[in-house]
Each structure stands twice: as C-alpha cells, then as structure tokens.
Amino acid sequence: MRVKGARVEIVVDTGAGMERYEIAATKAGRRVEVSTSRGVVEVVEVTRTGQAVRAGRFMASRVIALVEHPAEAEQDSQQRRSRRPLRDQTTLGLS
C-alpha cells in the first residue's frame, strides 16, 4: 500500500504510554509516502526525483493510528474537476 500526502501523523504504543510522531513534506514539490511490508510501517519524505530525505520506521503491531493530511493543492484540483459541466449527448452527436 502506498499513500502520498503533505503530512502524516503516527501514534505508537511504547509500552509505557503513547508517542506521537509527525513527518511532513517540508518544501514545495516534496511528498510523504507510507508503505507497509513485513510487519513494518515506513513513512518517508521524498523529493520530486524520488530520493528519500528522511524516514521513520515503526513496528506495525505497535502502530495505534496513522493519519494522513493530504496536500491542499490536490484537494483543490479534485474540487475543480467535480464542478465541470457535463456535456450533453446531443452536443457529442451521439443521439
């Protein structure tokens, strides 16, 4: 599973309580990717070219919550797409 976003919060059970970690895309063009494999959750800040800037690895059995806060630019573009008027079939010449 791969998820891309601007900021990710991770809540981990430490045995003596809970710890909260946050990894965020610090500059424009960077993104945060989350991957899960073999019992390890890895959260990585990645540049446009795919180079890892910083990373956090957590045991999946200890992760209580993982919350992604997506980039606002992605949300705006999705809203713009949904506002486009639909074309009528008669204008496409299909009727």
C-alpha atoms as a PDB file:
ATOM      1  CA  MET A   1       0.000   0.000   0.000  1.00  0.00           C
ATOM      2  CA  ARG A   2       1.369   3.439  -0.926  1.00  0.00           C
ATOM      3  CA  VAL A   3      -0.154   6.727   0.159  1.00  0.00           C
ATOM      4  CA  LYS A   4       1.081  10.199  -0.763  1.00  0.00           C
ATOM      5  CA  GLY A   5       0.373  13.318   1.239  1.00  0.00           C
ATOM      6  CA  ALA A   6       1.715  16.511   2.744  1.00  0.00           C
ATOM      7  CA  ARG A   7       1.797  15.403   6.397  1.00  0.00           C
ATOM      8  CA  VAL A   8       1.419  12.108   8.252  1.00  0.00           C
ATOM      9  CA  GLU A   9       0.838  11.630  11.982  1.00  0.00           C
ATOM     10  CA  ILE A  10       1.709   8.306  13.611  1.00  0.00           C
ATOM     11  CA  VAL A  11       0.631   7.253  17.117  1.00  0.00           C
ATOM     12  CA  VAL A  12       2.714   4.379  18.528  1.00  0.00           C
ATOM     13  CA  ASP A  13       2.286   2.279  21.682  1.00  0.00           C
ATOM     14  CA  THR A  14       5.602   2.414  23.585  1.00  0.00           C
ATOM     15  CA  GLY A  15       4.581   0.031  26.348  1.00  0.00           C
ATOM     16  CA  ALA A  16       4.639   2.824  28.939  1.00  0.00           C
ATOM     17  CA  GLY A  17       2.204   5.020  27.042  1.00  0.00           C
ATOM     18  CA  MET A  18       1.761   6.511  23.607  1.00  0.00           C
ATOM     19  CA  GLU A  19       4.146   8.545  21.457  1.00  0.00           C
ATOM     20  CA  ARG A  20       3.021  10.795  18.599  1.00  0.00           C
ATOM     21  CA  TYR A  21       5.299  11.356  15.606  1.00  0.00           C
ATOM     22  CA  GLU A  22       4.781  13.648  12.625  1.00  0.00           C
ATOM     23  CA  ILE A  23       6.539  13.567   9.271  1.00  0.00           C
ATOM     24  CA  ALA A  24       5.731  16.399   6.873  1.00  0.00           C
ATOM     25  CA  ALA A  25       6.792  17.487   3.410  1.00  0.00           C
ATOM     26  CA  THR A  26       8.967  20.472   4.322  1.00  0.00           C
ATOM     27  CA  LYS A  27       9.400  22.039   0.869  1.00  0.00           C
ATOM     28  CA  ALA A  28       7.279  22.509  -2.231  1.00  0.00           C
ATOM     29  CA  GLY A  29       7.331  19.523  -4.556  1.00  0.00           C
ATOM     30  CA  ARG A  30       8.069  17.008  -1.822  1.00  0.00           C
ATOM     31  CA  ARG A  31       5.605  14.387  -0.675  1.00  0.00           C
ATOM     32  CA  VAL A  32       5.201  11.886   2.143  1.00  0.00           C
ATOM     33  CA  GLU A  33       4.778   8.215   1.253  1.00  0.00           C
ATOM     34  CA  VAL A  34       3.580   5.454   3.568  1.00  0.00           C
ATOM     35  CA  SER A  35       4.368   1.806   2.865  1.00  0.00           C
ATOM     36  CA  THR A  36       3.664  -1.340   4.867  1.00  0.00           C
ATOM     37  CA  SER A  37       5.559  -4.598   4.430  1.00  0.00           C
ATOM     38  CA  ARG A  38       6.663  -7.492   6.612  1.00  0.00           C
ATOM     39  CA  GLY A  39       5.301  -6.013   9.812  1.00  0.00           C
ATOM     40  CA  VAL A  40       6.987  -2.627   9.378  1.00  0.00           C
ATOM     41  CA  VAL A  41       5.281   0.682   8.590  1.00  0.00           C
ATOM     42  CA  GLU A  42       7.650   3.097   6.858  1.00  0.00           C
ATOM     43  CA  VAL A  43       6.875   6.804   6.436  1.00  0.00           C
ATOM     44  CA  VAL A  44       9.265   8.638   4.093  1.00  0.00           C
ATOM     45  CA  GLU A  45       9.570  12.241   2.916  1.00  0.00           C
ATOM     46  CA  VAL A  46      10.510  12.050  -0.771  1.00  0.00           C
ATOM     47  CA  THR A  47      11.757  14.654  -3.265  1.00  0.00           C
ATOM     48  CA  ARG A  48      10.397  15.047  -6.804  1.00  0.00           C
ATOM     49  CA  THR A  49      13.129  12.747  -8.108  1.00  0.00           C
ATOM     50  CA  GLY A  50      12.229  10.008  -5.608  1.00  0.00           C
ATOM     51  CA  GLN A  51      15.178  10.468  -3.260  1.00  0.00           C
ATOM     52  CA  ALA A  52      14.357   9.905   0.420  1.00  0.00           C
ATOM     53  CA  VAL A  53      15.036  12.929   2.634  1.00  0.00           C
ATOM     54  CA  ARG A  54      14.046  11.438   5.997  1.00  0.00           C
ATOM     55  CA  ALA A  55      12.187   8.381   7.145  1.00  0.00           C
ATOM     56  CA  GLY A  56      10.534   6.789  10.145  1.00  0.00           C
ATOM     57  CA  ARG A  57      10.064   3.047  10.633  1.00  0.00           C
ATOM     58  CA  PHE A  58       7.608   1.580  13.101  1.00  0.00           C
ATOM     59  CA  MET A  59       6.580  -1.954  14.035  1.00  0.00           C
ATOM     60  CA  ALA A  60       3.095  -2.447  12.589  1.00  0.00           C
ATOM     61  CA  SER A  61       1.960  -4.248  15.748  1.00  0.00           C
ATOM     62  CA  ARG A  62       2.777  -1.114  17.791  1.00  0.00           C
ATOM     63  CA  VAL A  63       1.094   1.447  15.497  1.00  0.00           C
ATOM     64  CA  ILE A  64      -2.187   2.604  17.030  1.00  0.00           C
ATOM     65  CA  ALA A  65      -3.137   5.196  14.410  1.00  0.00           C
ATOM     66  CA  LEU A  66      -1.762   6.581  11.179  1.00  0.00           C
ATOM     67  CA  VAL A  67      -3.430   9.761   9.905  1.00  0.00           C
ATOM     68  CA  GLU A  68      -2.637  11.331   6.534  1.00  0.00           C
ATOM     69  CA  HIS A  69      -3.291  15.023   5.980  1.00  0.00           C
ATOM     70  CA  PRO A  70      -3.259  15.451   2.169  1.00  0.00           C
ATOM     71  CA  ALA A  71      -1.822  18.447   0.372  1.00  0.00           C
ATOM     72  CA  GLU A  72      -4.341  21.255  -0.169  1.00  0.00           C
ATOM     73  CA  ALA A  73      -3.409  21.667  -3.829  1.00  0.00           C
ATOM     74  CA  GLU A  74      -4.584  18.113  -4.520  1.00  0.00           C
ATOM     75  CA  GLN A  75      -7.907  18.794  -2.812  1.00  0.00           C
ATOM     76  CA  ASP A  76      -8.444  21.997  -4.823  1.00  0.00           C
ATOM     77  CA  SER A  77      -7.818  20.230  -8.137  1.00  0.00           C
ATOM     78  CA  GLN A  78     -10.291  17.471  -7.206  1.00  0.00           C
ATOM     79  CA  GLN A  79     -12.944  20.064  -6.371  1.00  0.00           C
ATOM     80  CA  ARG A  80     -12.359  21.853  -9.677  1.00  0.00           C
ATOM     81  CA  ARG A  81     -12.833  18.581 -11.587  1.00  0.00           C
ATOM     82  CA  SER A  82     -16.173  17.919  -9.913  1.00  0.00           C
ATOM     83  CA  ARG A  83     -17.500  21.395 -10.850  1.00  0.00           C
ATOM     84  CA  ARG A  84     -17.031  20.948 -14.607  1.00  0.00           C
ATOM     85  CA  PRO A  85     -20.306  20.943 -16.511  1.00  0.00           C
ATOM     86  CA  LEU A  86     -21.221  17.648 -18.143  1.00  0.00           C
ATOM     87  CA  ARG A  87     -21.599  17.594 -21.903  1.00  0.00           C
ATOM     88  CA  ASP A  88     -24.943  16.680 -23.349  1.00  0.00           C
ATOM     89  CA  GLN A  89     -25.112  13.688 -25.686  1.00  0.00           C
ATOM     90  CA  THR A  90     -26.636  15.844 -28.402  1.00  0.00           C
ATOM     91  CA  THR A  91     -23.545  18.064 -28.455  1.00  0.00           C
ATOM     92  CA  LEU A  92     -21.380  14.987 -28.998  1.00  0.00           C
ATOM     93  CA  GLY A  93     -23.558  13.853 -31.873  1.00  0.00           C
ATOM     94  CA  LEU A  94     -24.424  10.518 -30.233  1.00  0.00           C
ATOM     95  CA  SER A  95     -28.225  10.800 -30.151  1.00  0.00           C
END
